[in-house]
Amino acid sequence: VRAFVLQGLRALNLTADDFDDEAGQIDGTTAHAIERSIGILTEEAGL
């Protein structure tokens, strides 16, 4: 990935409080939402 795509995540101001406790989830968590957001943000950046 072009590094800017990940560098820009700094602007989300994410902390530990934003992430779910681990319970074996395979969907519906902040981590899964960020996985999708990286795709959205890549295209939003014109990439």
All heavy atoms as atom14 arrays in JSON, in Angstrom:
{
  "sequence": "VRAFVLQGLRALNLTADDFDDEAGQIDGTTAHAIERSIGILTEEAGL",
  "atom14_mask": [
    [1, 1, 1, 1, 1, 1, 1, 0, 0, 0, 0, 0, 0, 0],
    [1, 1, 1, 1, 1, 1, 1, 1, 1, 1, 1, 0, 0, 0],
    [1, 1, 1, 1, 1, 0, 0, 0, 0, 0, 0, 0, 0, 0],
    [1, 1, 1, 1, 1, 1, 1, 1, 1, 1, 1, 0, 0, 0],
    [1, 1, 1, 1, 1, 1, 1, 0, 0, 0, 0, 0, 0, 0],
    [1, 1, 1, 1, 1, 1, 1, 1, 0, 0, 0, 0, 0, 0],
    [1, 1, 1, 1, 1, 1, 1, 1, 1, 0, 0, 0, 0, 0],
    [1, 1, 1, 1, 0, 0, 0, 0, 0, 0, 0, 0, 0, 0],
    [1, 1, 1, 1, 1, 1, 1, 1, 0, 0, 0, 0, 0, 0],
    [1, 1, 1, 1, 1, 1, 1, 1, 1, 1, 1, 0, 0, 0],
    [1, 1, 1, 1, 1, 0, 0, 0, 0, 0, 0, 0, 0, 0],
    [1, 1, 1, 1, 1, 1, 1, 1, 0, 0, 0, 0, 0, 0],
    [1, 1, 1, 1, 1, 1, 1, 1, 0, 0, 0, 0, 0, 0],
    [1, 1, 1, 1, 1, 1, 1, 1, 0, 0, 0, 0, 0, 0],
    [1, 1, 1, 1, 1, 1, 1, 0, 0, 0, 0, 0, 0, 0],
    [1, 1, 1, 1, 1, 0, 0, 0, 0, 0, 0, 0, 0, 0],
    [1, 1, 1, 1, 1, 1, 1, 1, 0, 0, 0, 0, 0, 0],
    [1, 1, 1, 1, 1, 1, 1, 1, 0, 0, 0, 0, 0, 0],
    [1, 1, 1, 1, 1, 1, 1, 1, 1, 1, 1, 0, 0, 0],
    [1, 1, 1, 1, 1, 1, 1, 1, 0, 0, 0, 0, 0, 0],
    [1, 1, 1, 1, 1, 1, 1, 1, 0, 0, 0, 0, 0, 0],
    [1, 1, 1, 1, 1, 1, 1, 1, 1, 0, 0, 0, 0, 0],
    [1, 1, 1, 1, 1, 0, 0, 0, 0, 0, 0, 0, 0, 0],
    [1, 1, 1, 1, 0, 0, 0, 0, 0, 0, 0, 0, 0, 0],
    [1, 1, 1, 1, 1, 1, 1, 1, 1, 0, 0, 0, 0, 0],
    [1, 1, 1, 1, 1, 1, 1, 1, 0, 0, 0, 0, 0, 0],
    [1, 1, 1, 1, 1, 1, 1, 1, 0, 0, 0, 0, 0, 0],
    [1, 1, 1, 1, 0, 0, 0, 0, 0, 0, 0, 0, 0, 0],
    [1, 1, 1, 1, 1, 1, 1, 0, 0, 0, 0, 0, 0, 0],
    [1, 1, 1, 1, 1, 1, 1, 0, 0, 0, 0, 0, 0, 0],
    [1, 1, 1, 1, 1, 0, 0, 0, 0, 0, 0, 0, 0, 0],
    [1, 1, 1, 1, 1, 1, 1, 1, 1, 1, 0, 0, 0, 0],
    [1, 1, 1, 1, 1, 0, 0, 0, 0, 0, 0, 0, 0, 0],
    [1, 1, 1, 1, 1, 1, 1, 1, 0, 0, 0, 0, 0, 0],
    [1, 1, 1, 1, 1, 1, 1, 1, 1, 0, 0, 0, 0, 0],
    [1, 1, 1, 1, 1, 1, 1, 1, 1, 1, 1, 0, 0, 0],
    [1, 1, 1, 1, 1, 1, 0, 0, 0, 0, 0, 0, 0, 0],
    [1, 1, 1, 1, 1, 1, 1, 1, 0, 0, 0, 0, 0, 0],
    [1, 1, 1, 1, 0, 0, 0, 0, 0, 0, 0, 0, 0, 0],
    [1, 1, 1, 1, 1, 1, 1, 1, 0, 0, 0, 0, 0, 0],
    [1, 1, 1, 1, 1, 1, 1, 1, 0, 0, 0, 0, 0, 0],
    [1, 1, 1, 1, 1, 1, 1, 0, 0, 0, 0, 0, 0, 0],
    [1, 1, 1, 1, 1, 1, 1, 1, 1, 0, 0, 0, 0, 0],
    [1, 1, 1, 1, 1, 1, 1, 1, 1, 0, 0, 0, 0, 0],
    [1, 1, 1, 1, 1, 0, 0, 0, 0, 0, 0, 0, 0, 0],
    [1, 1, 1, 1, 0, 0, 0, 0, 0, 0, 0, 0, 0, 0],
    [1, 1, 1, 1, 1, 1, 1, 1, 0, 0, 0, 0, 0, 0]
  ],
  "atom14_positions": [
    [[0.84, -1.2, 0.0], [0.0, 0.0, 0.0], [0.87, 1.25, 0.0], [1.98, 1.26, 0.57], [-0.94, -0.01, 1.23], [-0.15, 0.08, 2.54], [-1.99, 1.08, 1.15], [0.0, 0.0, 0.0], [0.0, 0.0, 0.0], [0.0, 0.0, 0.0], [0.0, 0.0, 0.0], [0.0, 0.0, 0.0], [0.0, 0.0, 0.0], [0.0, 0.0, 0.0]],
    [[0.38, 2.26, -0.69], [1.06, 3.55, -0.62], [0.98, 4.03, 0.83], [-0.09, 4.06, 1.42], [0.41, 4.55, -1.58], [1.3, 5.71, -1.95], [0.74, 6.5, -3.12], [0.77, 5.77, -4.38], [1.83, 5.68, -5.18], [2.97, 6.28, -4.83], [1.77, 5.01, -6.3], [0.0, 0.0, 0.0], [0.0, 0.0, 0.0], [0.0, 0.0, 0.0]],
    [[2.1, 4.43, 1.39], [2.18, 4.67, 2.84], [1.19, 5.72, 3.3], [0.67, 5.64, 4.43], [3.6, 5.07, 3.23], [0.0, 0.0, 0.0], [0.0, 0.0, 0.0], [0.0, 0.0, 0.0], [0.0, 0.0, 0.0], [0.0, 0.0, 0.0], [0.0, 0.0, 0.0], [0.0, 0.0, 0.0], [0.0, 0.0, 0.0], [0.0, 0.0, 0.0]],
    [[0.87, 6.71, 2.46], [-0.05, 7.76, 2.9], [-1.39, 7.19, 3.34], [-2.02, 7.71, 4.27], [-0.27, 8.79, 1.79], [-1.43, 9.7, 2.09], [-1.31, 10.67, 3.07], [-2.65, 9.53, 1.46], [-2.39, 11.49, 3.41], [-3.73, 10.34, 1.79], [-3.6, 11.32, 2.76], [0.0, 0.0, 0.0], [0.0, 0.0, 0.0], [0.0, 0.0, 0.0]],
    [[-1.85, 6.13, 2.67], [-3.15, 5.55, 3.03], [-3.18, 5.18, 4.5], [-4.18, 5.41, 5.2], [-3.46, 4.35, 2.13], [-4.73, 3.64, 2.6], [-3.6, 4.78, 0.67], [0.0, 0.0, 0.0], [0.0, 0.0, 0.0], [0.0, 0.0, 0.0], [0.0, 0.0, 0.0], [0.0, 0.0, 0.0], [0.0, 0.0, 0.0], [0.0, 0.0, 0.0]],
    [[-2.08, 4.6, 4.99], [-2.01, 4.23, 6.41], [-1.66, 5.42, 7.29], [-2.21, 5.57, 8.39], [-0.99, 3.11, 6.6], [-1.26, 1.82, 5.82], [-0.19, 0.77, 6.15], [-2.65, 1.27, 6.12], [0.0, 0.0, 0.0], [0.0, 0.0, 0.0], [0.0, 0.0, 0.0], [0.0, 0.0, 0.0], [0.0, 0.0, 0.0], [0.0, 0.0, 0.0]],
    [[-0.76, 6.28, 6.83], [-0.4, 7.46, 7.62], [-1.63, 8.31, 7.95], [-1.76, 8.85, 9.05], [0.63, 8.3, 6.86], [1.99, 7.62, 6.72], [2.81, 8.19, 5.58], [2.34, 9.04, 4.81], [4.05, 7.74, 5.45], [0.0, 0.0, 0.0], [0.0, 0.0, 0.0], [0.0, 0.0, 0.0], [0.0, 0.0, 0.0], [0.0, 0.0, 0.0]],
    [[-2.55, 8.4, 7.0], [-3.74, 9.21, 7.2], [-4.66, 8.72, 8.3], [-5.5, 9.47, 8.81], [0.0, 0.0, 0.0], [0.0, 0.0, 0.0], [0.0, 0.0, 0.0], [0.0, 0.0, 0.0], [0.0, 0.0, 0.0], [0.0, 0.0, 0.0], [0.0, 0.0, 0.0], [0.0, 0.0, 0.0], [0.0, 0.0, 0.0], [0.0, 0.0, 0.0]],
    [[-4.51, 7.43, 8.7], [-5.34, 6.91, 9.79], [-5.11, 7.66, 11.09], [-5.95, 7.61, 12.0], [-5.06, 5.42, 9.99], [-5.36, 4.48, 8.81], [-4.97, 3.05, 9.16], [-6.83, 4.57, 8.41], [0.0, 0.0, 0.0], [0.0, 0.0, 0.0], [0.0, 0.0, 0.0], [0.0, 0.0, 0.0], [0.0, 0.0, 0.0], [0.0, 0.0, 0.0]],
    [[-3.98, 8.36, 11.19], [-3.71, 9.18, 12.38], [-4.85, 10.16, 12.64], [-5.18, 10.47, 13.8], [-2.38, 9.93, 12.17], [-2.12, 11.12, 13.06], [-1.95, 10.75, 14.52], [-1.67, 11.92, 15.33], [-2.58, 12.8, 15.76], [-3.85, 12.64, 15.45], [-2.22, 13.82, 16.52], [0.0, 0.0, 0.0], [0.0, 0.0, 0.0], [0.0, 0.0, 0.0]],
    [[-5.5, 10.64, 11.58], [-6.56, 11.63, 11.72], [-7.84, 11.05, 12.33], [-8.74, 11.81, 12.7], [-6.87, 12.27, 10.36], [0.0, 0.0, 0.0], [0.0, 0.0, 0.0], [0.0, 0.0, 0.0], [0.0, 0.0, 0.0], [0.0, 0.0, 0.0], [0.0, 0.0, 0.0], [0.0, 0.0, 0.0], [0.0, 0.0, 0.0], [0.0, 0.0, 0.0]],
    [[-7.93, 9.74, 12.44], [-9.09, 9.12, 13.1], [-8.99, 9.18, 14.61], [-9.98, 8.9, 15.31], [-9.23, 7.67, 12.65], [-9.7, 7.46, 11.21], [-9.55, 5.99, 10.82], [-11.14, 7.91, 11.04], [0.0, 0.0, 0.0], [0.0, 0.0, 0.0], [0.0, 0.0, 0.0], [0.0, 0.0, 0.0], [0.0, 0.0, 0.0], [0.0, 0.0, 0.0]],
    [[-7.83, 9.49, 15.14], [-7.64, 9.61, 16.58], [-8.13, 8.37, 17.33], [-8.88, 8.45, 18.31], [-8.35, 10.86, 17.11], [-7.67, 12.13, 16.66], [-6.85, 12.7, 17.38], [-8.0, 12.58, 15.45], [0.0, 0.0, 0.0], [0.0, 0.0, 0.0], [0.0, 0.0, 0.0], [0.0, 0.0, 0.0], [0.0, 0.0, 0.0], [0.0, 0.0, 0.0]],
    [[-7.68, 7.22, 16.86], [-8.08, 5.94, 17.46], [-7.24, 5.63, 18.68], [-6.03, 5.86, 18.7], [-7.94, 4.83, 16.43], [-8.94, 4.87, 15.26], [-8.38, 4.12, 14.06], [-10.27, 4.27, 15.7], [0.0, 0.0, 0.0], [0.0, 0.0, 0.0], [0.0, 0.0, 0.0], [0.0, 0.0, 0.0], [0.0, 0.0, 0.0], [0.0, 0.0, 0.0]],
    [[-7.88, 5.08, 19.69], [-7.2, 4.64, 20.91], [-7.71, 3.25, 21.28], [-8.61, 2.7, 20.63], [-7.45, 5.59, 22.08], [-8.84, 5.5, 22.46], [-7.13, 7.04, 21.7], [0.0, 0.0, 0.0], [0.0, 0.0, 0.0], [0.0, 0.0, 0.0], [0.0, 0.0, 0.0], [0.0, 0.0, 0.0], [0.0, 0.0, 0.0], [0.0, 0.0, 0.0]],
    [[-7.17, 2.7, 22.34], [-7.6, 1.36, 22.79], [-9.09, 1.33, 23.08], [-9.75, 0.29, 22.89], [-6.79, 0.95, 24.01], [0.0, 0.0, 0.0], [0.0, 0.0, 0.0], [0.0, 0.0, 0.0], [0.0, 0.0, 0.0], [0.0, 0.0, 0.0], [0.0, 0.0, 0.0], [0.0, 0.0, 0.0], [0.0, 0.0, 0.0], [0.0, 0.0, 0.0]],
    [[-9.64, 2.45, 23.54], [-11.07, 2.49, 23.86], [-11.96, 2.26, 22.64], [-13.14, 1.95, 22.78], [-11.44, 3.84, 24.49], [-10.89, 4.0, 25.89], [-10.63, 2.96, 26.54], [-10.7, 5.15, 26.33], [0.0, 0.0, 0.0], [0.0, 0.0, 0.0], [0.0, 0.0, 0.0], [0.0, 0.0, 0.0], [0.0, 0.0, 0.0], [0.0, 0.0, 0.0]],
    [[-11.41, 2.45, 21.46], [-12.19, 2.28, 20.24], [-12.29, 0.83, 19.79], [-13.02, 0.53, 18.83], [-11.57, 3.1, 19.1], [-11.73, 4.59, 19.29], [-12.88, 5.03, 19.47], [-10.72, 5.31, 19.27], [0.0, 0.0, 0.0], [0.0, 0.0, 0.0], [0.0, 0.0, 0.0], [0.0, 0.0, 0.0], [0.0, 0.0, 0.0], [0.0, 0.0, 0.0]],
    [[-11.56, -0.07, 20.44], [-11.5, -1.45, 19.96], [-12.18, -2.41, 20.94], [-12.11, -2.25, 22.16], [-10.04, -1.86, 19.73], [-9.44, -1.2, 18.53], [-8.91, 0.08, 18.62], [-9.46, -1.83, 17.3], [-8.39, 0.71, 17.5], [-8.93, -1.21, 16.18], [-8.39, 0.06, 16.27], [0.0, 0.0, 0.0], [0.0, 0.0, 0.0], [0.0, 0.0, 0.0]],
    [[-12.81, -3.41, 20.35], [-13.56, -4.4, 21.12], [-12.63, -5.32, 21.89], [-11.49, -5.58, 21.48], [-14.42, -5.26, 20.18], [-15.2, -4.43, 19.17], [-14.58, -3.93, 18.2], [-16.4, -4.29, 19.35], [0.0, 0.0, 0.0], [0.0, 0.0, 0.0], [0.0, 0.0, 0.0], [0.0, 0.0, 0.0], [0.0, 0.0, 0.0], [0.0, 0.0, 0.0]],
    [[-13.12, -5.83, 23.01], [-12.43, -6.92, 23.69], [-12.41, -8.14, 22.77], [-13.38, -8.41, 22.05], [-13.13, -7.28, 25.0], [-13.06, -6.15, 26.02], [-12.09, -5.39, 25.97], [-13.98, -6.05, 26.85], [0.0, 0.0, 0.0], [0.0, 0.0, 0.0], [0.0, 0.0, 0.0], [0.0, 0.0, 0.0], [0.0, 0.0, 0.0], [0.0, 0.0, 0.0]],
    [[-11.32, -8.87, 22.78], [-11.21, -10.03, 21.91], [-12.08, -11.18, 22.43], [-11.98, -11.57, 23.59], [-9.75, -10.49, 21.82], [-8.87, -9.56, 21.0], [-9.28, -9.47, 19.55], [-9.85, -10.45, 19.02], [-9.07, -8.39, 18.94], [0.0, 0.0, 0.0], [0.0, 0.0, 0.0], [0.0, 0.0, 0.0], [0.0, 0.0, 0.0], [0.0, 0.0, 0.0]],
    [[-12.96, -11.67, 21.52], [-13.82, -12.8, 21.88], [-14.01, -13.73, 20.69], [-15.06, -14.35, 20.53], [-15.18, -12.26, 22.36], [0.0, 0.0, 0.0], [0.0, 0.0, 0.0], [0.0, 0.0, 0.0], [0.0, 0.0, 0.0], [0.0, 0.0, 0.0], [0.0, 0.0, 0.0], [0.0, 0.0, 0.0], [0.0, 0.0, 0.0], [0.0, 0.0, 0.0]],
    [[-13.01, -13.79, 19.83], [-13.08, -14.68, 18.68], [-14.0, -14.2, 17.57], [-14.4, -14.99, 16.7], [0.0, 0.0, 0.0], [0.0, 0.0, 0.0], [0.0, 0.0, 0.0], [0.0, 0.0, 0.0], [0.0, 0.0, 0.0], [0.0, 0.0, 0.0], [0.0, 0.0, 0.0], [0.0, 0.0, 0.0], [0.0, 0.0, 0.0], [0.0, 0.0, 0.0]],
    [[-14.35, -12.9, 17.54], [-15.27, -12.39, 16.53], [-14.67, -12.52, 15.13], [-13.47, -12.34, 14.94], [-15.6, -10.91, 16.78], [-16.09, -10.58, 18.19], [-14.98, -10.05, 19.08], [-13.88, -10.61, 19.09], [-15.25, -8.99, 19.82], [0.0, 0.0, 0.0], [0.0, 0.0, 0.0], [0.0, 0.0, 0.0], [0.0, 0.0, 0.0], [0.0, 0.0, 0.0]],
    [[-15.53, -12.82, 14.16], [-15.09, -12.85, 12.77], [-15.78, -11.76, 11.96], [-15.63, -11.7, 10.73], [-15.33, -14.23, 12.13], [-16.83, -14.57, 12.1], [-14.54, -15.31, 12.84], [-17.15, -15.81, 11.27], [0.0, 0.0, 0.0], [0.0, 0.0, 0.0], [0.0, 0.0, 0.0], [0.0, 0.0, 0.0], [0.0, 0.0, 0.0], [0.0, 0.0, 0.0]],
    [[-16.51, -10.86, 12.64], [-17.23, -9.78, 11.96], [-17.75, -8.82, 13.02], [-17.77, -9.13, 14.22], [-18.4, -10.37, 11.15], [-19.0, -9.37, 10.18], [-18.32, -8.37, 9.88], [-20.13, -9.59, 9.71], [0.0, 0.0, 0.0], [0.0, 0.0, 0.0], [0.0, 0.0, 0.0], [0.0, 0.0, 0.0], [0.0, 0.0, 0.0], [0.0, 0.0, 0.0]],
    [[-18.11, -7.61, 12.58], [-18.82, -6.68, 13.45], [-17.97, -6.03, 14.52], [-18.48, -5.71, 15.59], [0.0, 0.0, 0.0], [0.0, 0.0, 0.0], [0.0, 0.0, 0.0], [0.0, 0.0, 0.0], [0.0, 0.0, 0.0], [0.0, 0.0, 0.0], [0.0, 0.0, 0.0], [0.0, 0.0, 0.0], [0.0, 0.0, 0.0], [0.0, 0.0, 0.0]],
    [[-16.68, -5.81, 14.26], [-15.81, -5.14, 15.22], [-15.17, -3.92, 14.58], [-15.2, -3.73, 13.36], [-14.69, -6.07, 15.72], [-13.75, -6.27, 14.66], [-15.24, -7.41, 16.2], [0.0, 0.0, 0.0], [0.0, 0.0, 0.0], [0.0, 0.0, 0.0], [0.0, 0.0, 0.0], [0.0, 0.0, 0.0], [0.0, 0.0, 0.0], [0.0, 0.0, 0.0]],
    [[-14.54, -3.11, 15.4], [-13.82, -1.95, 14.89], [-12.73, -2.37, 13.92], [-12.5, -1.71, 12.89], [-13.2, -1.15, 16.05], [-14.25, -0.73, 16.93], [-12.43, 0.06, 15.55], [0.0, 0.0, 0.0], [0.0, 0.0, 0.0], [0.0, 0.0, 0.0], [0.0, 0.0, 0.0], [0.0, 0.0, 0.0], [0.0, 0.0, 0.0], [0.0, 0.0, 0.0]],
    [[-12.03, -3.45, 14.23], [-10.97, -3.92, 13.33], [-11.52, -4.23, 11.95], [-10.91, -3.89, 10.92], [-10.28, -5.14, 13.93], [0.0, 0.0, 0.0], [0.0, 0.0, 0.0], [0.0, 0.0, 0.0], [0.0, 0.0, 0.0], [0.0, 0.0, 0.0], [0.0, 0.0, 0.0], [0.0, 0.0, 0.0], [0.0, 0.0, 0.0], [0.0, 0.0, 0.0]],
    [[-12.68, -4.88, 11.89], [-13.28, -5.18, 10.59], [-13.73, -3.91, 9.88], [-13.64, -3.81, 8.65], [-14.46, -6.14, 10.78], [-14.06, -7.5, 11.24], [-14.08, -7.86, 12.58], [-13.6, -8.59, 10.57], [-13.67, -9.12, 12.69], [-13.37, -9.58, 11.49], [0.0, 0.0, 0.0], [0.0, 0.0, 0.0], [0.0, 0.0, 0.0], [0.0, 0.0, 0.0]],
    [[-14.21, -2.95, 10.64], [-14.63, -1.67, 10.03], [-13.43, -0.92, 9.46], [-13.52, -0.31, 8.39], [-15.36, -0.82, 11.06], [0.0, 0.0, 0.0], [0.0, 0.0, 0.0], [0.0, 0.0, 0.0], [0.0, 0.0, 0.0], [0.0, 0.0, 0.0], [0.0, 0.0, 0.0], [0.0, 0.0, 0.0], [0.0, 0.0, 0.0], [0.0, 0.0, 0.0]],
    [[-12.31, -0.96, 10.16], [-11.11, -0.29, 9.64], [-10.6, -0.99, 8.39], [-10.14, -0.33, 7.44], [-10.03, -0.21, 10.73], [-10.49, 0.72, 11.86], [-8.7, 0.28, 10.16], [-9.58, 0.76, 13.05], [0.0, 0.0, 0.0], [0.0, 0.0, 0.0], [0.0, 0.0, 0.0], [0.0, 0.0, 0.0], [0.0, 0.0, 0.0], [0.0, 0.0, 0.0]],
    [[-10.69, -2.3, 8.36], [-10.3, -3.05, 7.16], [-11.07, -2.53, 5.95], [-10.49, -2.3, 4.87], [-10.58, -4.53, 7.39], [-10.13, -5.44, 6.26], [-10.43, -6.9, 6.58], [-11.47, -7.18, 7.22], [-9.62, -7.76, 6.19], [0.0, 0.0, 0.0], [0.0, 0.0, 0.0], [0.0, 0.0, 0.0], [0.0, 0.0, 0.0], [0.0, 0.0, 0.0]],
    [[-12.36, -2.3, 6.11], [-13.18, -1.76, 5.03], [-12.89, -0.28, 4.8], [-12.86, 0.18, 3.65], [-14.66, -2.0, 5.35], [-15.06, -3.46, 5.16], [-16.18, -3.92, 6.06], [-16.49, -5.33, 5.81], [-15.77, -6.36, 6.28], [-14.7, -6.13, 7.03], [-16.1, -7.6, 6.0], [0.0, 0.0, 0.0], [0.0, 0.0, 0.0], [0.0, 0.0, 0.0]],
    [[-12.64, 0.44, 5.86], [-12.36, 1.87, 5.74], [-11.09, 2.12, 4.93], [-11.01, 3.11, 4.19], [-12.22, 2.5, 7.12], [-13.43, 2.44, 7.83], [0.0, 0.0, 0.0], [0.0, 0.0, 0.0], [0.0, 0.0, 0.0], [0.0, 0.0, 0.0], [0.0, 0.0, 0.0], [0.0, 0.0, 0.0], [0.0, 0.0, 0.0], [0.0, 0.0, 0.0]],
    [[-10.1, 1.25, 5.06], [-8.86, 1.44, 4.3], [-9.14, 1.42, 2.8], [-8.56, 2.2, 2.03], [-7.82, 0.4, 4.73], [-7.28, 0.75, 6.12], [-6.67, 0.31, 3.72], [-6.4, -0.31, 6.75], [0.0, 0.0, 0.0], [0.0, 0.0, 0.0], [0.0, 0.0, 0.0], [0.0, 0.0, 0.0], [0.0, 0.0, 0.0], [0.0, 0.0, 0.0]],
    [[-10.04, 0.55, 2.37], [-10.43, 0.55, 0.96], [-11.15, 1.83, 0.58], [-10.87, 2.45, -0.46], [0.0, 0.0, 0.0], [0.0, 0.0, 0.0], [0.0, 0.0, 0.0], [0.0, 0.0, 0.0], [0.0, 0.0, 0.0], [0.0, 0.0, 0.0], [0.0, 0.0, 0.0], [0.0, 0.0, 0.0], [0.0, 0.0, 0.0], [0.0, 0.0, 0.0]],
    [[-12.09, 2.26, 1.42], [-12.85, 3.49, 1.15], [-11.91, 4.69, 1.09], [-12.0, 5.54, 0.19], [-13.92, 3.69, 2.24], [-14.99, 2.59, 2.16], [-14.56, 5.07, 2.12], [-15.92, 2.55, 3.35], [0.0, 0.0, 0.0], [0.0, 0.0, 0.0], [0.0, 0.0, 0.0], [0.0, 0.0, 0.0], [0.0, 0.0, 0.0], [0.0, 0.0, 0.0]],
    [[-10.99, 4.78, 2.03], [-10.09, 5.93, 2.11], [-9.07, 5.93, 0.98], [-8.65, 7.0, 0.51], [-9.41, 5.95, 3.47], [-10.35, 6.16, 4.66], [-9.6, 5.99, 5.98], [-11.01, 7.53, 4.6], [0.0, 0.0, 0.0], [0.0, 0.0, 0.0], [0.0, 0.0, 0.0], [0.0, 0.0, 0.0], [0.0, 0.0, 0.0], [0.0, 0.0, 0.0]],
    [[-8.66, 4.75, 0.54], [-7.76, 4.68, -0.61], [-8.4, 5.35, -1.82], [-7.79, 6.2, -2.49], [-7.41, 3.22, -0.94], [-6.75, 2.63, 0.18], [-6.51, 3.13, -2.16], [0.0, 0.0, 0.0], [0.0, 0.0, 0.0], [0.0, 0.0, 0.0], [0.0, 0.0, 0.0], [0.0, 0.0, 0.0], [0.0, 0.0, 0.0], [0.0, 0.0, 0.0]],
    [[-9.65, 5.02, -2.08], [-10.33, 5.6, -3.23], [-10.69, 7.06, -2.99], [-10.67, 7.87, -3.94], [-11.56, 4.77, -3.58], [-11.18, 3.36, -4.04], [-12.32, 2.58, -4.65], [-13.47, 2.73, -4.17], [-12.07, 1.83, -5.6], [0.0, 0.0, 0.0], [0.0, 0.0, 0.0], [0.0, 0.0, 0.0], [0.0, 0.0, 0.0], [0.0, 0.0, 0.0]],
    [[-11.01, 7.42, -1.77], [-11.29, 8.83, -1.47], [-10.07, 9.7, -1.75], [-10.2, 10.87, -2.13], [-11.73, 8.99, -0.01], [-12.11, 10.4, 0.38], [-13.29, 10.95, -0.39], [-14.12, 10.16, -0.9], [-13.4, 12.19, -0.49], [0.0, 0.0, 0.0], [0.0, 0.0, 0.0], [0.0, 0.0, 0.0], [0.0, 0.0, 0.0], [0.0, 0.0, 0.0]],
    [[-8.88, 9.14, -1.57], [-7.64, 9.87, -1.83], [-7.3, 9.96, -3.31], [-6.27, 10.54, -3.68], [-6.48, 9.21, -1.08], [0.0, 0.0, 0.0], [0.0, 0.0, 0.0], [0.0, 0.0, 0.0], [0.0, 0.0, 0.0], [0.0, 0.0, 0.0], [0.0, 0.0, 0.0], [0.0, 0.0, 0.0], [0.0, 0.0, 0.0], [0.0, 0.0, 0.0]],
    [[-8.16, 9.4, -4.17], [-7.9, 9.42, -5.6], [-7.0, 8.3, -6.06], [-6.43, 8.36, -7.16], [0.0, 0.0, 0.0], [0.0, 0.0, 0.0], [0.0, 0.0, 0.0], [0.0, 0.0, 0.0], [0.0, 0.0, 0.0], [0.0, 0.0, 0.0], [0.0, 0.0, 0.0], [0.0, 0.0, 0.0], [0.0, 0.0, 0.0], [0.0, 0.0, 0.0]],
    [[-6.87, 7.26, -5.24], [-5.99, 6.13, -5.54], [-6.82, 4.89, -5.87], [-8.02, 4.82, -5.55], [-5.08, 5.86, -4.34], [-4.16, 7.01, -3.94], [-3.55, 6.77, -2.57], [-3.06, 7.2, -4.99], [0.0, 0.0, 0.0], [0.0, 0.0, 0.0], [0.0, 0.0, 0.0], [0.0, 0.0, 0.0], [0.0, 0.0, 0.0], [0.0, 0.0, 0.0]]
  ]
}
